[in-house]
Amino acid sequence: MLSIVQQDHLTVKSELKLLNQVQQWFEQFCLQNLPSRGWSESQLYRLNLALAEGFTNAVRHAHHSLPPETTIEIDVSLWVDRLEIRIWDRGNPFNPDAIAEPEPGTLQVGGYGWFLLRRLADKVIYERGTDGRNCLLIVKYGLQGQQQGK
């Protein structure tokens, strides 16, 4: 059974101006824990971009009608074979399957963030918790996890 190697938690208000703080916190975690485990700079960049997309989606969409004091919670867990980011929000749930993937060569309003997120991560799961919060789970496997077939 695989176990968690390292984890951290951050709680921030629903404000886009806090994205820089969120990314710096995440980058610090990654720089302290991932290079020694064989993670590349490219993987770290993709993870940070995925986190930024998930956080901004929570602020702009899930919390758009809620006060800025409404918190977003972020958990990061490093396992032996993968890194998991969980972004918890308190907005109304949505159905990610209802978002049409943009057609190549066409312009559409919205939907690109979800499309990008699925391309950056190995697994993206969105679900409503029993506590009324939404959880966006972003999973990226390390090189060892990819070689083992995930």
C-alpha atoms as a PDB file:
ATOM      1  CA  MET A   1       0.000   0.000   0.000  1.00  0.00           C
ATOM      2  CA  LEU A   2       1.391   3.379  -1.025  1.00  0.00           C
ATOM      3  CA  SER A   3       1.531   6.117   1.559  1.00  0.00           C
ATOM      4  CA  ILE A   4       1.647   9.894   1.615  1.00  0.00           C
ATOM      5  CA  VAL A   5       5.195  11.228   1.648  1.00  0.00           C
ATOM      6  CA  GLN A   6       4.344  14.878   2.365  1.00  0.00           C
ATOM      7  CA  GLN A   7       1.256  17.081   2.510  1.00  0.00           C
ATOM      8  CA  ASP A   8       0.225  20.676   3.121  1.00  0.00           C
ATOM      9  CA  HIS A   9      -2.942  22.771   3.375  1.00  0.00           C
ATOM     10  CA  LEU A  10      -3.795  26.381   2.521  1.00  0.00           C
ATOM     11  CA  THR A  11      -6.974  28.358   3.142  1.00  0.00           C
ATOM     12  CA  VAL A  12      -7.526  31.625   1.255  1.00  0.00           C
ATOM     13  CA  LYS A  13     -10.383  34.021   0.564  1.00  0.00           C
ATOM     14  CA  SER A  14     -12.150  34.007  -2.803  1.00  0.00           C
ATOM     15  CA  GLU A  15     -10.097  36.747  -4.388  1.00  0.00           C
ATOM     16  CA  LEU A  16      -8.233  36.519  -7.690  1.00  0.00           C
ATOM     17  CA  LYS A  17      -5.494  38.753  -6.300  1.00  0.00           C
ATOM     18  CA  LEU A  18      -4.528  35.838  -3.998  1.00  0.00           C
ATOM     19  CA  LEU A  19      -3.590  33.619  -6.961  1.00  0.00           C
ATOM     20  CA  ASN A  20       0.040  34.713  -6.675  1.00  0.00           C
ATOM     21  CA  GLN A  21       0.103  33.697  -2.986  1.00  0.00           C
ATOM     22  CA  VAL A  22      -1.472  30.333  -3.838  1.00  0.00           C
ATOM     23  CA  GLN A  23       1.064  29.663  -6.585  1.00  0.00           C
ATOM     24  CA  GLN A  24       4.016  30.695  -4.407  1.00  0.00           C
ATOM     25  CA  TRP A  25       2.838  28.378  -1.612  1.00  0.00           C
ATOM     26  CA  PHE A  26       2.498  25.517  -4.081  1.00  0.00           C
ATOM     27  CA  GLU A  27       5.838  26.231  -5.752  1.00  0.00           C
ATOM     28  CA  GLN A  28       7.565  26.232  -2.349  1.00  0.00           C
ATOM     29  CA  PHE A  29       6.024  22.827  -1.568  1.00  0.00           C
ATOM     30  CA  CYS A  30       7.103  21.461  -4.944  1.00  0.00           C
ATOM     31  CA  LEU A  31      10.662  22.799  -4.776  1.00  0.00           C
ATOM     32  CA  GLN A  32      11.119  21.302  -1.306  1.00  0.00           C
ATOM     33  CA  ASN A  33       9.729  17.877  -2.168  1.00  0.00           C
ATOM     34  CA  LEU A  34       9.614  17.016  -5.876  1.00  0.00           C
ATOM     35  CA  PRO A  35      13.114  17.417  -7.427  1.00  0.00           C
ATOM     36  CA  SER A  36      14.613  14.773  -5.117  1.00  0.00           C
ATOM     37  CA  ARG A  37      11.904  12.364  -6.295  1.00  0.00           C
ATOM     38  CA  GLY A  38      12.709  12.784  -9.995  1.00  0.00           C
ATOM     39  CA  TRP A  39      10.017  15.305 -10.966  1.00  0.00           C
ATOM     40  CA  SER A  40      10.989  17.608 -13.827  1.00  0.00           C
ATOM     41  CA  GLU A  41      10.592  21.383 -14.108  1.00  0.00           C
ATOM     42  CA  SER A  42       8.087  20.761 -16.896  1.00  0.00           C
ATOM     43  CA  GLN A  43       5.917  18.668 -14.566  1.00  0.00           C
ATOM     44  CA  LEU A  44       6.103  21.371 -11.869  1.00  0.00           C
ATOM     45  CA  TYR A  45       5.073  24.026 -14.398  1.00  0.00           C
ATOM     46  CA  ARG A  46       2.107  21.963 -15.586  1.00  0.00           C
ATOM     47  CA  LEU A  47       0.977  21.337 -12.000  1.00  0.00           C
ATOM     48  CA  ASN A  48       1.220  25.020 -11.098  1.00  0.00           C
ATOM     49  CA  LEU A  49      -0.790  25.951 -14.189  1.00  0.00           C
ATOM     50  CA  ALA A  50      -3.424  23.327 -13.319  1.00  0.00           C
ATOM     51  CA  LEU A  51      -3.648  24.711  -9.769  1.00  0.00           C
ATOM     52  CA  ALA A  52      -4.032  28.259 -11.127  1.00  0.00           C
ATOM     53  CA  GLU A  53      -6.824  27.143 -13.452  1.00  0.00           C
ATOM     54  CA  GLY A  54      -8.647  25.273 -10.677  1.00  0.00           C
ATOM     55  CA  PHE A  55      -8.330  28.164  -8.227  1.00  0.00           C
ATOM     56  CA  THR A  56      -9.478  30.833 -10.691  1.00  0.00           C
ATOM     57  CA  ASN A  57     -12.431  28.647 -11.732  1.00  0.00           C
ATOM     58  CA  ALA A  58     -13.481  28.361  -8.075  1.00  0.00           C
ATOM     59  CA  VAL A  59     -13.251  32.151  -7.593  1.00  0.00           C
ATOM     60  CA  ARG A  60     -14.838  33.165 -10.916  1.00  0.00           C
ATOM     61  CA  HIS A  61     -17.529  30.524 -11.229  1.00  0.00           C
ATOM     62  CA  ALA A  62     -18.263  28.648  -7.983  1.00  0.00           C
ATOM     63  CA  HIS A  63     -17.964  31.706  -5.733  1.00  0.00           C
ATOM     64  CA  HIS A  64     -19.054  34.459  -8.150  1.00  0.00           C
ATOM     65  CA  SER A  65     -22.187  35.239  -6.124  1.00  0.00           C
ATOM     66  CA  LEU A  66     -20.633  34.625  -2.699  1.00  0.00           C
ATOM     67  CA  PRO A  67     -18.817  37.186  -0.521  1.00  0.00           C
ATOM     68  CA  PRO A  68     -15.022  37.409  -1.074  1.00  0.00           C
ATOM     69  CA  GLU A  69     -14.561  36.250   2.540  1.00  0.00           C
ATOM     70  CA  THR A  70     -15.840  32.821   1.505  1.00  0.00           C
ATOM     71  CA  THR A  71     -12.828  30.558   1.740  1.00  0.00           C
ATOM     72  CA  ILE A  72     -11.279  28.172  -0.720  1.00  0.00           C
ATOM     73  CA  GLU A  73      -9.249  25.354   0.762  1.00  0.00           C
ATOM     74  CA  ILE A  74      -6.389  23.682  -1.037  1.00  0.00           C
ATOM     75  CA  ASP A  75      -4.741  20.415  -0.047  1.00  0.00           C
ATOM     76  CA  VAL A  76      -1.632  19.080  -1.703  1.00  0.00           C
ATOM     77  CA  SER A  77      -0.518  15.483  -1.094  1.00  0.00           C
ATOM     78  CA  LEU A  78       2.645  13.933  -2.420  1.00  0.00           C
ATOM     79  CA  TRP A  79       2.452  10.166  -2.678  1.00  0.00           C
ATOM     80  CA  VAL A  80       5.272   7.857  -3.729  1.00  0.00           C
ATOM     81  CA  ASP A  81       3.907   7.715  -7.298  1.00  0.00           C
ATOM     82  CA  ARG A  82       1.821  10.896  -7.720  1.00  0.00           C
ATOM     83  CA  LEU A  83       0.894  14.357  -6.575  1.00  0.00           C
ATOM     84  CA  GLU A  84      -2.714  15.231  -5.743  1.00  0.00           C
ATOM     85  CA  ILE A  85      -4.185  18.710  -5.482  1.00  0.00           C
ATOM     86  CA  ARG A  86      -7.638  19.120  -3.962  1.00  0.00           C
ATOM     87  CA  ILE A  87      -9.406  22.458  -4.307  1.00  0.00           C
ATOM     88  CA  TRP A  88     -12.486  22.789  -2.086  1.00  0.00           C
ATOM     89  CA  ASP A  89     -15.120  25.453  -2.754  1.00  0.00           C
ATOM     90  CA  ARG A  90     -18.571  26.268  -1.368  1.00  0.00           C
ATOM     91  CA  GLY A  91     -20.384  27.189  -4.580  1.00  0.00           C
ATOM     92  CA  ASN A  92     -23.217  25.478  -6.378  1.00  0.00           C
ATOM     93  CA  PRO A  93     -22.167  22.222  -8.046  1.00  0.00           C
ATOM     94  CA  PHE A  94     -21.830  21.981 -11.802  1.00  0.00           C
ATOM     95  CA  ASN A  95     -21.673  19.140 -14.289  1.00  0.00           C
ATOM     96  CA  PRO A  96     -18.281  19.116 -16.047  1.00  0.00           C
ATOM     97  CA  ASP A  97     -19.651  16.668 -18.620  1.00  0.00           C
ATOM     98  CA  ALA A  98     -22.026  19.410 -19.785  1.00  0.00           C
ATOM     99  CA  ILE A  99     -19.096  21.564 -20.934  1.00  0.00           C
ATOM    100  CA  ALA A 100     -18.562  21.013 -24.647  1.00  0.00           C
ATOM    101  CA  GLU A 101     -14.942  20.638 -25.681  1.00  0.00           C
ATOM    102  CA  PRO A 102     -13.999  23.494 -27.997  1.00  0.00           C
ATOM    103  CA  GLU A 103     -13.896  22.494 -31.665  1.00  0.00           C
ATOM    104  CA  PRO A 104     -10.472  23.031 -33.254  1.00  0.00           C
ATOM    105  CA  GLY A 105     -10.395  26.217 -35.308  1.00  0.00           C
ATOM    106  CA  THR A 106     -13.534  27.717 -33.765  1.00  0.00           C
ATOM    107  CA  LEU A 107     -14.059  30.351 -31.126  1.00  0.00           C
ATOM    108  CA  GLN A 108     -16.393  29.810 -28.217  1.00  0.00           C
ATOM    109  CA  VAL A 109     -17.002  31.641 -24.965  1.00  0.00           C
ATOM    110  CA  GLY A 110     -15.980  29.532 -21.979  1.00  0.00           C
ATOM    111  CA  GLY A 111     -14.971  25.907 -21.609  1.00  0.00           C
ATOM    112  CA  TYR A 112     -11.288  26.374 -22.404  1.00  0.00           C
ATOM    113  CA  GLY A 113     -10.204  26.234 -18.765  1.00  0.00           C
ATOM    114  CA  TRP A 114     -11.761  22.833 -18.158  1.00  0.00           C
ATOM    115  CA  PHE A 115     -10.316  21.619 -21.453  1.00  0.00           C
ATOM    116  CA  LEU A 116      -6.851  22.886 -20.460  1.00  0.00           C
ATOM    117  CA  LEU A 117      -7.084  21.362 -16.992  1.00  0.00           C
ATOM    118  CA  ARG A 118      -7.787  17.903 -18.406  1.00  0.00           C
ATOM    119  CA  ARG A 119      -4.741  18.249 -20.695  1.00  0.00           C
ATOM    120  CA  LEU A 120      -2.397  19.318 -17.897  1.00  0.00           C
ATOM    121  CA  ALA A 121      -3.254  16.550 -15.442  1.00  0.00           C
ATOM    122  CA  ASP A 122      -3.362  12.775 -15.686  1.00  0.00           C
ATOM    123  CA  LYS A 123      -6.696  12.657 -13.866  1.00  0.00           C
ATOM    124  CA  VAL A 124      -9.275  15.318 -13.015  1.00  0.00           C
ATOM    125  CA  ILE A 125     -12.282  14.495 -10.839  1.00  0.00           C
ATOM    126  CA  TYR A 126     -14.964  16.936  -9.716  1.00  0.00           C
ATOM    127  CA  GLU A 127     -17.451  15.892  -7.062  1.00  0.00           C
ATOM    128  CA  ARG A 128     -19.802  17.251  -4.446  1.00  0.00           C
ATOM    129  CA  GLY A 129     -18.916  16.255  -0.884  1.00  0.00           C
ATOM    130  CA  THR A 130     -21.429  15.203   1.746  1.00  0.00           C
ATOM    131  CA  ASP A 131     -20.536  18.418   3.625  1.00  0.00           C
ATOM    132  CA  GLY A 132     -21.911  20.565   0.787  1.00  0.00           C
ATOM    133  CA  ARG A 133     -18.516  21.551  -0.568  1.00  0.00           C
ATOM    134  CA  ASN A 134     -17.234  20.828  -4.068  1.00  0.00           C
ATOM    135  CA  CYS A 135     -13.882  19.168  -4.558  1.00  0.00           C
ATOM    136  CA  LEU A 136     -11.737  19.411  -7.664  1.00  0.00           C
ATOM    137  CA  LEU A 137      -9.122  16.654  -7.559  1.00  0.00           C
ATOM    138  CA  ILE A 138      -6.124  17.082  -9.864  1.00  0.00           C
ATOM    139  CA  VAL A 139      -3.729  14.132 -10.114  1.00  0.00           C
ATOM    140  CA  LYS A 140      -0.340  14.033 -11.816  1.00  0.00           C
ATOM    141  CA  TYR A 141       1.755  10.880 -11.772  1.00  0.00           C
ATOM    142  CA  GLY A 142       5.517  11.026 -11.332  1.00  0.00           C
ATOM    143  CA  LEU A 143       7.856   9.331 -13.762  1.00  0.00           C
ATOM    144  CA  GLN A 144       7.851   6.189 -11.605  1.00  0.00           C
ATOM    145  CA  GLY A 145       4.032   6.114 -11.564  1.00  0.00           C
ATOM    146  CA  GLN A 146       3.870   6.566 -15.336  1.00  0.00           C
ATOM    147  CA  GLN A 147       6.293   3.683 -15.887  1.00  0.00           C
ATOM    148  CA  GLN A 148       4.168   1.450 -13.682  1.00  0.00           C
ATOM    149  CA  GLY A 149       1.109   2.115 -15.802  1.00  0.00           C
ATOM    150  CA  LYS A 150      -0.426   4.553 -13.300  1.00  0.00           C
END
